[in-house]
Amino acid sequence: MDKSYILKGLSLLAAGAGIVLNMLNGFIDDKKMEQKIEEKVNEALSKREQEP
């Protein structure tokens, strides 16, 4: 097996892993933002219920 094929395969594998990790990072960021929004909404609703 030629070294160039091994290097090409490794580079494709690294590129694929980078794409997957980038997508996963975006998904995690979205979930964190949703959690923050939900916390703020719940906080605002609890303050509204406590008002006379």
PDB file of N, CA and C in Angstrom:
ATOM      1  N   MET A   1       0.847  -1.181   0.000  1.00  0.00           N
ATOM      2  CA  MET A   1       0.000   0.000   0.000  1.00  0.00           C
ATOM      3  C   MET A   1       0.890   1.241   0.000  1.00  0.00           C
ATOM      4  N   ASP A   2       0.538   2.159  -0.836  1.00  0.00           N
ATOM      5  CA  ASP A   2       1.326   3.370  -1.004  1.00  0.00           C
ATOM      6  C   ASP A   2       1.043   4.347   0.134  1.00  0.00           C
ATOM      7  N   LYS A   3       2.052   5.075   0.555  1.00  0.00           N
ATOM      8  CA  LYS A   3       1.900   6.036   1.642  1.00  0.00           C
ATOM      9  C   LYS A   3       0.949   7.167   1.278  1.00  0.00           C
ATOM     10  N   SER A   4       0.883   7.509   0.020  1.00  0.00           N
ATOM     11  CA  SER A   4       0.002   8.609  -0.396  1.00  0.00           C
ATOM     12  C   SER A   4      -1.468   8.234  -0.187  1.00  0.00           C
ATOM     13  N   TYR A   5      -1.812   6.957  -0.400  1.00  0.00           N
ATOM     14  CA  TYR A   5      -3.190   6.519  -0.163  1.00  0.00           C
ATOM     15  C   TYR A   5      -3.533   6.579   1.326  1.00  0.00           C
ATOM     16  N   ILE A   6      -2.574   6.217   2.145  1.00  0.00           N
ATOM     17  CA  ILE A   6      -2.786   6.272   3.592  1.00  0.00           C
ATOM     18  C   ILE A   6      -2.987   7.711   4.038  1.00  0.00           C
ATOM     19  N   LEU A   7      -2.166   8.615   3.534  1.00  0.00           N
ATOM     20  CA  LEU A   7      -2.284  10.029   3.904  1.00  0.00           C
ATOM     21  C   LEU A   7      -3.594  10.628   3.401  1.00  0.00           C
ATOM     22  N   LYS A   8      -3.999  10.254   2.200  1.00  0.00           N
ATOM     23  CA  LYS A   8      -5.278  10.744   1.670  1.00  0.00           C
ATOM     24  C   LYS A   8      -6.438  10.236   2.520  1.00  0.00           C
ATOM     25  N   GLY A   9      -6.361   8.984   2.899  1.00  0.00           N
ATOM     26  CA  GLY A   9      -7.411   8.414   3.745  1.00  0.00           C
ATOM     27  C   GLY A   9      -7.475   9.084   5.095  1.00  0.00           C
ATOM     28  N   LEU A  10      -6.312   9.325   5.686  1.00  0.00           N
ATOM     29  CA  LEU A  10      -6.280  10.000   6.989  1.00  0.00           C
ATOM     30  C   LEU A  10      -6.788  11.433   6.890  1.00  0.00           C
ATOM     31  N   SER A  11      -6.451  12.105   5.799  1.00  0.00           N
ATOM     32  CA  SER A  11      -6.919  13.487   5.645  1.00  0.00           C
ATOM     33  C   SER A  11      -8.435  13.527   5.450  1.00  0.00           C
ATOM     34  N   LEU A  12      -8.981  12.571   4.704  1.00  0.00           N
ATOM     35  CA  LEU A  12     -10.430  12.506   4.549  1.00  0.00           C
ATOM     36  C   LEU A  12     -11.109  12.179   5.873  1.00  0.00           C
ATOM     37  N   LEU A  13     -10.515  11.296   6.632  1.00  0.00           N
ATOM     38  CA  LEU A  13     -11.049  10.945   7.943  1.00  0.00           C
ATOM     39  C   LEU A  13     -11.032  12.157   8.877  1.00  0.00           C
ATOM     40  N   ALA A  14      -9.954  12.901   8.864  1.00  0.00           N
ATOM     41  CA  ALA A  14      -9.846  14.097   9.703  1.00  0.00           C
ATOM     42  C   ALA A  14     -10.858  15.152   9.277  1.00  0.00           C
ATOM     43  N   ALA A  15     -11.048  15.317   7.983  1.00  0.00           N
ATOM     44  CA  ALA A  15     -12.026  16.287   7.495  1.00  0.00           C
ATOM     45  C   ALA A  15     -13.433  15.870   7.898  1.00  0.00           C
ATOM     46  N   GLY A  16     -13.737  14.595   7.773  1.00  0.00           N
ATOM     47  CA  GLY A  16     -15.049  14.097   8.179  1.00  0.00           C
ATOM     48  C   GLY A  16     -15.282  14.281   9.668  1.00  0.00           C
ATOM     49  N   ALA A  17     -14.266  13.995  10.467  1.00  0.00           N
ATOM     50  CA  ALA A  17     -14.382  14.175  11.914  1.00  0.00           C
ATOM     51  C   ALA A  17     -14.585  15.652  12.246  1.00  0.00           C
ATOM     52  N   GLY A  18     -13.901  16.528  11.539  1.00  0.00           N
ATOM     53  CA  GLY A  18     -14.070  17.967  11.771  1.00  0.00           C
ATOM     54  C   GLY A  18     -15.480  18.427  11.473  1.00  0.00           C
ATOM     55  N   ILE A  19     -16.051  17.924  10.405  1.00  0.00           N
ATOM     56  CA  ILE A  19     -17.425  18.289  10.042  1.00  0.00           C
ATOM     57  C   ILE A  19     -18.403  17.807  11.101  1.00  0.00           C
ATOM     58  N   VAL A  20     -18.237  16.561  11.531  1.00  0.00           N
ATOM     59  CA  VAL A  20     -19.128  16.003  12.557  1.00  0.00           C
ATOM     60  C   VAL A  20     -19.008  16.779  13.862  1.00  0.00           C
ATOM     61  N   LEU A  21     -17.796  17.080  14.270  1.00  0.00           N
ATOM     62  CA  LEU A  21     -17.598  17.819  15.516  1.00  0.00           C
ATOM     63  C   LEU A  21     -18.156  19.235  15.428  1.00  0.00           C
ATOM     64  N   ASN A  22     -18.042  19.856  14.281  1.00  0.00           N
ATOM     65  CA  ASN A  22     -18.593  21.192  14.086  1.00  0.00           C
ATOM     66  C   ASN A  22     -20.116  21.171  14.202  1.00  0.00           C
ATOM     67  N   MET A  23     -20.741  20.165  13.603  1.00  0.00           N
ATOM     68  CA  MET A  23     -22.197  20.040  13.693  1.00  0.00           C
ATOM     69  C   MET A  23     -22.627  19.760  15.129  1.00  0.00           C
ATOM     70  N   LEU A  24     -21.894  18.921  15.827  1.00  0.00           N
ATOM     71  CA  LEU A  24     -22.201  18.609  17.216  1.00  0.00           C
ATOM     72  C   LEU A  24     -22.061  19.844  18.094  1.00  0.00           C
ATOM     73  N   ASN A  25     -21.051  20.650  17.844  1.00  0.00           N
ATOM     74  CA  ASN A  25     -20.845  21.880  18.596  1.00  0.00           C
ATOM     75  C   ASN A  25     -22.010  22.847  18.373  1.00  0.00           C
ATOM     76  N   GLY A  26     -22.479  22.958  17.156  1.00  0.00           N
ATOM     77  CA  GLY A  26     -23.634  23.805  16.873  1.00  0.00           C
ATOM     78  C   GLY A  26     -24.881  23.320  17.575  1.00  0.00           C
ATOM     79  N   PHE A  27     -25.085  22.017  17.605  1.00  0.00           N
ATOM     80  CA  PHE A  27     -26.230  21.436  18.293  1.00  0.00           C
ATOM     81  C   PHE A  27     -26.177  21.735  19.790  1.00  0.00           C
ATOM     82  N   ILE A  28     -24.995  21.594  20.383  1.00  0.00           N
ATOM     83  CA  ILE A  28     -24.830  21.863  21.815  1.00  0.00           C
ATOM     84  C   ILE A  28     -25.071  23.342  22.109  1.00  0.00           C
ATOM     85  N   ASP A  29     -24.559  24.227  21.272  1.00  0.00           N
ATOM     86  CA  ASP A  29     -24.785  25.666  21.459  1.00  0.00           C
ATOM     87  C   ASP A  29     -26.269  26.002  21.391  1.00  0.00           C
ATOM     88  N   ASP A  30     -26.988  25.386  20.458  1.00  0.00           N
ATOM     89  CA  ASP A  30     -28.427  25.613  20.347  1.00  0.00           C
ATOM     90  C   ASP A  30     -29.159  25.164  21.599  1.00  0.00           C
ATOM     91  N   LYS A  31     -28.791  24.009  22.127  1.00  0.00           N
ATOM     92  CA  LYS A  31     -29.432  23.494  23.340  1.00  0.00           C
ATOM     93  C   LYS A  31     -29.155  24.390  24.539  1.00  0.00           C
ATOM     94  N   LYS A  32     -27.932  24.910  24.637  1.00  0.00           N
ATOM     95  CA  LYS A  32     -27.601  25.824  25.728  1.00  0.00           C
ATOM     96  C   LYS A  32     -28.434  27.100  25.628  1.00  0.00           C
ATOM     97  N   MET A  33     -28.602  27.614  24.426  1.00  0.00           N
ATOM     98  CA  MET A  33     -29.384  28.828  24.232  1.00  0.00           C
ATOM     99  C   MET A  33     -30.844  28.579  24.584  1.00  0.00           C
ATOM    100  N   GLU A  34     -31.389  27.443  24.178  1.00  0.00           N
ATOM    101  CA  GLU A  34     -32.765  27.102  24.521  1.00  0.00           C
ATOM    102  C   GLU A  34     -32.947  27.016  26.031  1.00  0.00           C
ATOM    103  N   GLN A  35     -31.960  26.449  26.719  1.00  0.00           N
ATOM    104  CA  GLN A  35     -32.041  26.334  28.171  1.00  0.00           C
ATOM    105  C   GLN A  35     -32.025  27.709  28.826  1.00  0.00           C
ATOM    106  N   LYS A  36     -31.165  28.612  28.349  1.00  0.00           N
ATOM    107  CA  LYS A  36     -31.110  29.965  28.889  1.00  0.00           C
ATOM    108  C   LYS A  36     -32.436  30.685  28.683  1.00  0.00           C
ATOM    109  N   ILE A  37     -32.994  30.556  27.490  1.00  0.00           N
ATOM    110  CA  ILE A  37     -34.270  31.214  27.189  1.00  0.00           C
ATOM    111  C   ILE A  37     -35.359  30.674  28.106  1.00  0.00           C
ATOM    112  N   GLU A  38     -35.398  29.365  28.279  1.00  0.00           N
ATOM    113  CA  GLU A  38     -36.413  28.766  29.143  1.00  0.00           C
ATOM    114  C   GLU A  38     -36.262  29.249  30.583  1.00  0.00           C
ATOM    115  N   GLU A  39     -35.029  29.347  31.073  1.00  0.00           N
ATOM    116  CA  GLU A  39     -34.797  29.841  32.428  1.00  0.00           C
ATOM    117  C   GLU A  39     -35.300  31.279  32.575  1.00  0.00           C
ATOM    118  N   LYS A  40     -35.004  32.123  31.601  1.00  0.00           N
ATOM    119  CA  LYS A  40     -35.422  33.529  31.674  1.00  0.00           C
ATOM    120  C   LYS A  40     -36.946  33.656  31.602  1.00  0.00           C
ATOM    121  N   VAL A  41     -37.582  32.853  30.769  1.00  0.00           N
ATOM    122  CA  VAL A  41     -39.040  32.894  30.663  1.00  0.00           C
ATOM    123  C   VAL A  41     -39.664  32.445  31.976  1.00  0.00           C
ATOM    124  N   ASN A  42     -39.161  31.359  32.546  1.00  0.00           N
ATOM    125  CA  ASN A  42     -39.685  30.878  33.821  1.00  0.00           C
ATOM    126  C   ASN A  42     -39.476  31.902  34.930  1.00  0.00           C
ATOM    127  N   GLU A  43     -38.326  32.561  34.924  1.00  0.00           N
ATOM    128  CA  GLU A  43     -38.041  33.598  35.910  1.00  0.00           C
ATOM    129  C   GLU A  43     -39.023  34.757  35.760  1.00  0.00           C
ATOM    130  N   ALA A  44     -39.272  35.190  34.548  1.00  0.00           N
ATOM    131  CA  ALA A  44     -40.197  36.288  34.306  1.00  0.00           C
ATOM    132  C   ALA A  44     -41.621  35.900  34.700  1.00  0.00           C
ATOM    133  N   LEU A  45     -42.022  34.678  34.425  1.00  0.00           N
ATOM    134  CA  LEU A  45     -43.363  34.230  34.796  1.00  0.00           C
ATOM    135  C   LEU A  45     -43.529  34.131  36.305  1.00  0.00           C
ATOM    136  N   SER A  46     -42.501  33.684  36.997  1.00  0.00           N
ATOM    137  CA  SER A  46     -42.605  33.591  38.454  1.00  0.00           C
ATOM    138  C   SER A  46     -42.672  34.975  39.078  1.00  0.00           C
ATOM    139  N   LYS A  47     -41.936  35.951  38.533  1.00  0.00           N
ATOM    140  CA  LYS A  47     -42.019  37.326  39.021  1.00  0.00           C
ATOM    141  C   LYS A  47     -43.405  37.894  38.767  1.00  0.00           C
ATOM    142  N   ARG A  48     -43.967  37.575  37.616  1.00  0.00           N
ATOM    143  CA  ARG A  48     -45.299  38.082  37.257  1.00  0.00           C
ATOM    144  C   ARG A  48     -46.360  37.507  38.195  1.00  0.00           C
ATOM    145  N   GLU A  49     -46.230  36.247  38.568  1.00  0.00           N
ATOM    146  CA  GLU A  49     -47.202  35.619  39.476  1.00  0.00           C
ATOM    147  C   GLU A  49     -47.100  36.176  40.875  1.00  0.00           C
ATOM    148  N   GLN A  50     -45.923  36.631  41.285  1.00  0.00           N
ATOM    149  CA  GLN A  50     -45.725  37.154  42.641  1.00  0.00           C
ATOM    150  C   GLN A  50     -46.231  38.574  42.785  1.00  0.00           C
ATOM    151  N   GLU A  51     -46.427  39.292  41.697  1.00  0.00           N
ATOM    152  CA  GLU A  51     -46.917  40.674  41.772  1.00  0.00           C
ATOM    153  C   GLU A  51     -48.366  40.678  42.236  1.00  0.00           C
ATOM    154  N   PRO A  52     -48.721  41.697  43.072  1.00  0.00           N
ATOM    155  CA  PRO A  52     -50.120  41.759  43.573  1.00  0.00           C
ATOM    156  C   PRO A  52     -51.122  42.114  42.508  1.00  0.00           C
TER     157      PRO A  52
END
